[in-house]
Amino acid sequence: MRPATIIAFFPERLATGRPLLIGRRPMTRVNRAVEKGETAGFMKIVVDADSRRILGAAILGTGGDEAIHGILDMMSARVAYDELRWAVPIHPTVSELIPTVLQEMKESVL
């Protein structure tokens, strides 16, 4: 298992108690992981609900070390997560599930 994590959760943002958008997906629901028989782990993306920018992500599981780069690029570009939500990554990869995770975001307060 190759863990990949980007943490940019700004403490001042979390301290406000304002809403965040959080998307999660267990690796048991990622076809590439199922095909490889490596279903331990998860994907998680945290977005600022107001600015819609990605604050951080974790992909713990097969292919996570490569799939995380698309998220990192969006964070570096400081664009809304919607840009990545409509992307069409190559199939079959773990990256192809990132837009799905982003489309299933739920409001939350950490």
N, C-alpha and C. Protein backbone atom coordinates (compact mmCIF):
# COMPACT_ATOMS: atom_id res chain seq x y z
N MET A 1 0.85 -1.18 0.00
CA MET A 1 0.00 0.00 0.00
C MET A 1 0.89 1.24 0.00
N ARG A 2 0.60 2.17 -0.89
CA ARG A 2 1.39 3.40 -0.99
C ARG A 2 0.54 4.59 -0.55
N PRO A 3 0.75 5.08 0.65
CA PRO A 3 -0.05 6.22 1.10
C PRO A 3 0.43 7.52 0.47
N ALA A 4 -0.52 8.39 0.20
CA ALA A 4 -0.20 9.72 -0.33
C ALA A 4 -1.11 10.72 0.35
N THR A 5 -0.53 11.73 0.97
CA THR A 5 -1.32 12.71 1.70
C THR A 5 -0.82 14.11 1.40
N ILE A 6 -1.76 15.02 1.19
CA ILE A 6 -1.45 16.44 1.09
C ILE A 6 -2.25 17.09 2.21
N ILE A 7 -1.57 17.78 3.09
CA ILE A 7 -2.29 18.45 4.17
C ILE A 7 -2.03 19.95 4.09
N ALA A 8 -3.09 20.66 3.80
CA ALA A 8 -3.00 22.12 3.78
C ALA A 8 -4.21 22.68 4.51
N PHE A 9 -4.68 21.94 5.51
CA PHE A 9 -5.83 22.39 6.29
C PHE A 9 -5.37 23.57 7.14
N PHE A 10 -5.72 24.75 6.74
CA PHE A 10 -5.27 25.94 7.44
C PHE A 10 -5.93 26.01 8.81
N PRO A 11 -5.14 26.04 9.88
CA PRO A 11 -5.71 26.03 11.24
C PRO A 11 -6.75 27.12 11.47
N GLU A 12 -6.53 28.30 10.91
CA GLU A 12 -7.50 29.38 11.13
C GLU A 12 -8.84 29.06 10.47
N ARG A 13 -8.81 28.33 9.35
CA ARG A 13 -10.05 27.94 8.67
C ARG A 13 -10.81 26.92 9.52
N LEU A 14 -10.11 25.97 10.05
CA LEU A 14 -10.76 24.94 10.86
C LEU A 14 -11.30 25.52 12.17
N ALA A 15 -10.61 26.49 12.72
CA ALA A 15 -11.02 27.08 13.99
C ALA A 15 -12.33 27.85 13.87
N THR A 16 -12.70 28.29 12.68
CA THR A 16 -13.92 29.07 12.51
C THR A 16 -15.17 28.22 12.61
N GLY A 17 -15.06 26.92 12.38
CA GLY A 17 -16.22 26.05 12.41
C GLY A 17 -17.10 26.21 11.18
N ARG A 18 -16.63 26.95 10.18
CA ARG A 18 -17.41 27.13 8.95
C ARG A 18 -17.40 25.83 8.15
N PRO A 19 -18.38 25.66 7.29
CA PRO A 19 -18.52 24.37 6.59
C PRO A 19 -17.42 24.07 5.58
N LEU A 20 -17.15 22.80 5.49
CA LEU A 20 -16.22 22.26 4.51
C LEU A 20 -17.00 21.25 3.67
N LEU A 21 -16.48 20.92 2.53
CA LEU A 21 -17.02 19.84 1.72
C LEU A 21 -16.03 18.70 1.81
N ILE A 22 -16.52 17.50 2.10
CA ILE A 22 -15.64 16.35 2.24
C ILE A 22 -16.16 15.22 1.37
N GLY A 23 -15.26 14.68 0.57
CA GLY A 23 -15.58 13.53 -0.27
C GLY A 23 -14.75 12.34 0.18
N ARG A 24 -15.39 11.18 0.26
CA ARG A 24 -14.71 9.96 0.70
C ARG A 24 -15.10 8.81 -0.22
N ARG A 25 -14.16 7.88 -0.39
CA ARG A 25 -14.45 6.65 -1.13
C ARG A 25 -13.53 5.56 -0.65
N PRO A 26 -14.10 4.45 -0.20
CA PRO A 26 -13.24 3.33 0.20
C PRO A 26 -12.63 2.68 -1.04
N MET A 27 -11.44 2.12 -0.91
CA MET A 27 -10.79 1.48 -2.04
C MET A 27 -11.57 0.25 -2.51
N THR A 28 -12.47 -0.26 -1.70
CA THR A 28 -13.32 -1.37 -2.13
C THR A 28 -14.26 -0.95 -3.26
N ARG A 29 -14.41 0.38 -3.46
CA ARG A 29 -15.26 0.91 -4.53
C ARG A 29 -14.43 1.55 -5.65
N VAL A 30 -13.16 1.22 -5.71
CA VAL A 30 -12.26 1.71 -6.78
C VAL A 30 -11.89 0.49 -7.62
N ASN A 31 -12.39 0.45 -8.86
CA ASN A 31 -12.22 -0.73 -9.70
C ASN A 31 -10.77 -1.18 -9.86
N ARG A 32 -9.86 -0.23 -10.02
CA ARG A 32 -8.45 -0.59 -10.19
C ARG A 32 -7.93 -1.33 -8.97
N ALA A 33 -8.32 -0.89 -7.80
CA ALA A 33 -7.90 -1.56 -6.56
C ALA A 33 -8.51 -2.95 -6.47
N VAL A 34 -9.76 -3.08 -6.87
CA VAL A 34 -10.44 -4.38 -6.85
C VAL A 34 -9.75 -5.33 -7.83
N GLU A 35 -9.45 -4.84 -9.03
CA GLU A 35 -8.77 -5.67 -10.04
C GLU A 35 -7.43 -6.20 -9.54
N LYS A 36 -6.72 -5.37 -8.78
CA LYS A 36 -5.41 -5.77 -8.26
C LYS A 36 -5.52 -6.58 -6.97
N GLY A 37 -6.71 -6.65 -6.40
CA GLY A 37 -6.88 -7.35 -5.14
C GLY A 37 -6.29 -6.59 -3.97
N GLU A 38 -6.21 -5.26 -4.10
CA GLU A 38 -5.62 -4.40 -3.07
C GLU A 38 -6.67 -3.37 -2.63
N THR A 39 -7.66 -3.82 -1.89
CA THR A 39 -8.79 -2.97 -1.55
C THR A 39 -8.71 -2.30 -0.18
N ALA A 40 -7.60 -2.46 0.51
CA ALA A 40 -7.44 -1.76 1.80
C ALA A 40 -7.20 -0.29 1.52
N GLY A 41 -7.80 0.57 2.32
CA GLY A 41 -7.54 2.00 2.21
C GLY A 41 -8.76 2.81 1.78
N PHE A 42 -8.51 4.09 1.44
CA PHE A 42 -9.58 5.02 1.10
C PHE A 42 -9.02 6.22 0.34
N MET A 43 -9.95 7.01 -0.21
CA MET A 43 -9.63 8.30 -0.81
C MET A 43 -10.45 9.34 -0.04
N LYS A 44 -9.86 10.47 0.27
CA LYS A 44 -10.58 11.54 0.99
C LYS A 44 -10.07 12.88 0.48
N ILE A 45 -10.99 13.79 0.19
CA ILE A 45 -10.64 15.13 -0.28
C ILE A 45 -11.44 16.14 0.54
N VAL A 46 -10.78 17.19 1.01
CA VAL A 46 -11.43 18.23 1.81
C VAL A 46 -11.35 19.55 1.06
N VAL A 47 -12.50 20.22 0.94
CA VAL A 47 -12.63 21.45 0.17
C VAL A 47 -13.23 22.54 1.04
N ASP A 48 -12.76 23.76 0.89
CA ASP A 48 -13.36 24.92 1.54
C ASP A 48 -14.69 25.20 0.85
N ALA A 49 -15.80 25.16 1.59
CA ALA A 49 -17.13 25.32 0.99
C ALA A 49 -17.33 26.71 0.39
N ASP A 50 -16.67 27.72 0.92
CA ASP A 50 -16.85 29.09 0.42
C ASP A 50 -16.03 29.35 -0.85
N SER A 51 -14.74 29.10 -0.79
CA SER A 51 -13.87 29.37 -1.95
C SER A 51 -13.88 28.23 -2.95
N ARG A 52 -14.32 27.04 -2.53
CA ARG A 52 -14.38 25.83 -3.35
C ARG A 52 -12.98 25.33 -3.73
N ARG A 53 -11.97 25.79 -2.98
CA ARG A 53 -10.60 25.32 -3.22
C ARG A 53 -10.31 24.10 -2.37
N ILE A 54 -9.50 23.19 -2.92
CA ILE A 54 -9.11 21.99 -2.21
C ILE A 54 -8.12 22.37 -1.11
N LEU A 55 -8.42 21.92 0.12
CA LEU A 55 -7.56 22.20 1.26
C LEU A 55 -6.61 21.05 1.57
N GLY A 56 -6.97 19.86 1.17
CA GLY A 56 -6.13 18.72 1.44
C GLY A 56 -6.76 17.44 0.94
N ALA A 57 -5.96 16.38 0.92
CA ALA A 57 -6.45 15.09 0.44
C ALA A 57 -5.57 13.97 0.97
N ALA A 58 -6.13 12.78 1.00
CA ALA A 58 -5.38 11.58 1.34
C ALA A 58 -5.87 10.45 0.45
N ILE A 59 -4.93 9.74 -0.12
CA ILE A 59 -5.27 8.53 -0.86
C ILE A 59 -4.38 7.44 -0.29
N LEU A 60 -4.99 6.59 0.50
CA LEU A 60 -4.28 5.50 1.15
C LEU A 60 -4.69 4.21 0.43
N GLY A 61 -3.81 3.72 -0.40
CA GLY A 61 -4.13 2.52 -1.15
C GLY A 61 -3.34 2.45 -2.42
N THR A 62 -3.59 1.41 -3.19
CA THR A 62 -2.87 1.21 -4.44
C THR A 62 -3.00 2.40 -5.38
N GLY A 63 -1.90 2.84 -5.93
CA GLY A 63 -1.90 3.95 -6.88
C GLY A 63 -2.05 5.33 -6.28
N GLY A 64 -2.18 5.41 -4.97
CA GLY A 64 -2.37 6.70 -4.32
C GLY A 64 -1.21 7.65 -4.53
N ASP A 65 0.00 7.09 -4.58
CA ASP A 65 1.19 7.92 -4.74
C ASP A 65 1.22 8.60 -6.10
N GLU A 66 0.55 8.05 -7.08
CA GLU A 66 0.49 8.68 -8.40
C GLU A 66 -0.77 9.52 -8.57
N ALA A 67 -1.89 9.03 -8.06
CA ALA A 67 -3.17 9.71 -8.24
C ALA A 67 -3.22 11.06 -7.53
N ILE A 68 -2.48 11.22 -6.46
CA ILE A 68 -2.53 12.44 -5.66
C ILE A 68 -2.02 13.66 -6.43
N HIS A 69 -1.23 13.45 -7.47
CA HIS A 69 -0.63 14.57 -8.20
C HIS A 69 -1.66 15.47 -8.88
N GLY A 70 -2.74 14.91 -9.38
CA GLY A 70 -3.78 15.73 -9.98
C GLY A 70 -4.39 16.69 -8.98
N ILE A 71 -4.57 16.21 -7.76
CA ILE A 71 -5.11 17.05 -6.69
C ILE A 71 -4.10 18.12 -6.31
N LEU A 72 -2.86 17.73 -6.18
CA LEU A 72 -1.80 18.68 -5.84
C LEU A 72 -1.69 19.79 -6.87
N ASP A 73 -1.82 19.44 -8.14
CA ASP A 73 -1.78 20.45 -9.20
C ASP A 73 -2.91 21.46 -9.05
N MET A 74 -4.11 20.98 -8.71
CA MET A 74 -5.26 21.89 -8.53
C MET A 74 -5.05 22.80 -7.33
N MET A 75 -4.45 22.27 -6.27
CA MET A 75 -4.16 23.08 -5.09
C MET A 75 -3.13 24.15 -5.42
N SER A 76 -2.11 23.77 -6.15
CA SER A 76 -1.05 24.73 -6.52
C SER A 76 -1.58 25.82 -7.43
N ALA A 77 -2.51 25.46 -8.31
CA ALA A 77 -3.08 26.44 -9.25
C ALA A 77 -4.11 27.34 -8.56
N ARG A 78 -4.53 26.96 -7.36
CA ARG A 78 -5.51 27.73 -6.58
C ARG A 78 -6.82 27.97 -7.34
N VAL A 79 -7.29 26.89 -7.95
CA VAL A 79 -8.56 26.97 -8.67
C VAL A 79 -9.62 26.17 -7.91
N ALA A 80 -10.87 26.41 -8.26
CA ALA A 80 -11.98 25.71 -7.62
C ALA A 80 -11.93 24.22 -7.96
N TYR A 81 -12.39 23.41 -7.03
CA TYR A 81 -12.37 21.97 -7.25
C TYR A 81 -13.24 21.56 -8.42
N ASP A 82 -14.17 22.42 -8.83
CA ASP A 82 -15.06 22.11 -9.95
C ASP A 82 -14.28 21.82 -11.24
N GLU A 83 -13.12 22.45 -11.39
CA GLU A 83 -12.31 22.23 -12.59
C GLU A 83 -11.87 20.77 -12.68
N LEU A 84 -11.51 20.17 -11.56
CA LEU A 84 -11.08 18.77 -11.53
C LEU A 84 -12.27 17.83 -11.52
N ARG A 85 -13.38 18.31 -11.00
CA ARG A 85 -14.58 17.48 -10.90
C ARG A 85 -15.06 17.01 -12.28
N TRP A 86 -14.86 17.81 -13.29
CA TRP A 86 -15.33 17.46 -14.64
C TRP A 86 -14.22 16.90 -15.53
N ALA A 87 -13.07 16.62 -14.95
CA ALA A 87 -11.97 16.02 -15.72
C ALA A 87 -12.30 14.57 -16.09
N VAL A 88 -11.64 14.09 -17.13
CA VAL A 88 -11.83 12.70 -17.55
C VAL A 88 -10.46 12.02 -17.56
N PRO A 89 -10.03 11.50 -16.40
CA PRO A 89 -8.73 10.82 -16.33
C PRO A 89 -8.72 9.51 -17.13
N ILE A 90 -7.55 9.02 -17.38
CA ILE A 90 -7.35 7.79 -18.13
C ILE A 90 -7.92 6.59 -17.37
N HIS A 91 -8.49 5.64 -18.13
CA HIS A 91 -9.04 4.41 -17.56
C HIS A 91 -8.16 3.24 -17.98
N PRO A 92 -7.87 2.29 -17.15
CA PRO A 92 -8.25 2.15 -15.74
C PRO A 92 -7.14 2.66 -14.83
N THR A 93 -7.45 3.62 -14.00
CA THR A 93 -6.51 4.14 -13.02
C THR A 93 -7.26 4.49 -11.74
N VAL A 94 -6.52 4.72 -10.68
CA VAL A 94 -7.12 5.21 -9.45
C VAL A 94 -7.56 6.66 -9.64
N SER A 95 -6.80 7.41 -10.45
CA SER A 95 -7.11 8.83 -10.71
C SER A 95 -8.50 9.04 -11.28
N GLU A 96 -9.00 8.07 -12.02
CA GLU A 96 -10.30 8.25 -12.65
C GLU A 96 -11.43 8.37 -11.63
N LEU A 97 -11.19 7.98 -10.38
CA LEU A 97 -12.22 8.09 -9.35
C LEU A 97 -12.20 9.43 -8.63
N ILE A 98 -11.17 10.24 -8.84
CA ILE A 98 -11.10 11.54 -8.17
C ILE A 98 -12.30 12.42 -8.54
N PRO A 99 -12.66 12.56 -9.83
CA PRO A 99 -13.86 13.35 -10.15
C PRO A 99 -15.12 12.79 -9.48
N THR A 100 -15.23 11.49 -9.36
CA THR A 100 -16.38 10.87 -8.70
C THR A 100 -16.43 11.26 -7.23
N VAL A 101 -15.29 11.22 -6.56
CA VAL A 101 -15.23 11.63 -5.15
C VAL A 101 -15.66 13.09 -5.03
N LEU A 102 -15.19 13.93 -5.94
CA LEU A 102 -15.53 15.36 -5.90
C LEU A 102 -17.02 15.60 -6.19
N GLN A 103 -17.62 14.77 -6.99
CA GLN A 103 -19.05 14.93 -7.28
C GLN A 103 -19.92 14.46 -6.12
N GLU A 104 -19.35 13.70 -5.20
CA GLU A 104 -20.11 13.18 -4.06
C GLU A 104 -19.79 13.92 -2.76
N MET A 105 -19.30 15.16 -2.86
CA MET A 105 -18.94 15.93 -1.68
C MET A 105 -20.15 16.17 -0.79
N LYS A 106 -19.91 16.12 0.52
CA LYS A 106 -20.96 16.40 1.49
C LYS A 106 -20.48 17.49 2.43
N GLU A 107 -21.40 18.35 2.82
CA GLU A 107 -21.04 19.44 3.74
C GLU A 107 -20.77 18.89 5.12
N SER A 108 -19.73 19.44 5.75
CA SER A 108 -19.31 18.98 7.07
C SER A 108 -18.61 20.11 7.80
N VAL A 109 -18.55 20.01 9.10
CA VAL A 109 -17.77 20.93 9.91
C VAL A 109 -16.81 20.08 10.71
N LEU A 110 -15.51 20.36 10.59
CA LEU A 110 -14.52 19.59 11.35
C LEU A 110 -14.37 20.16 12.73
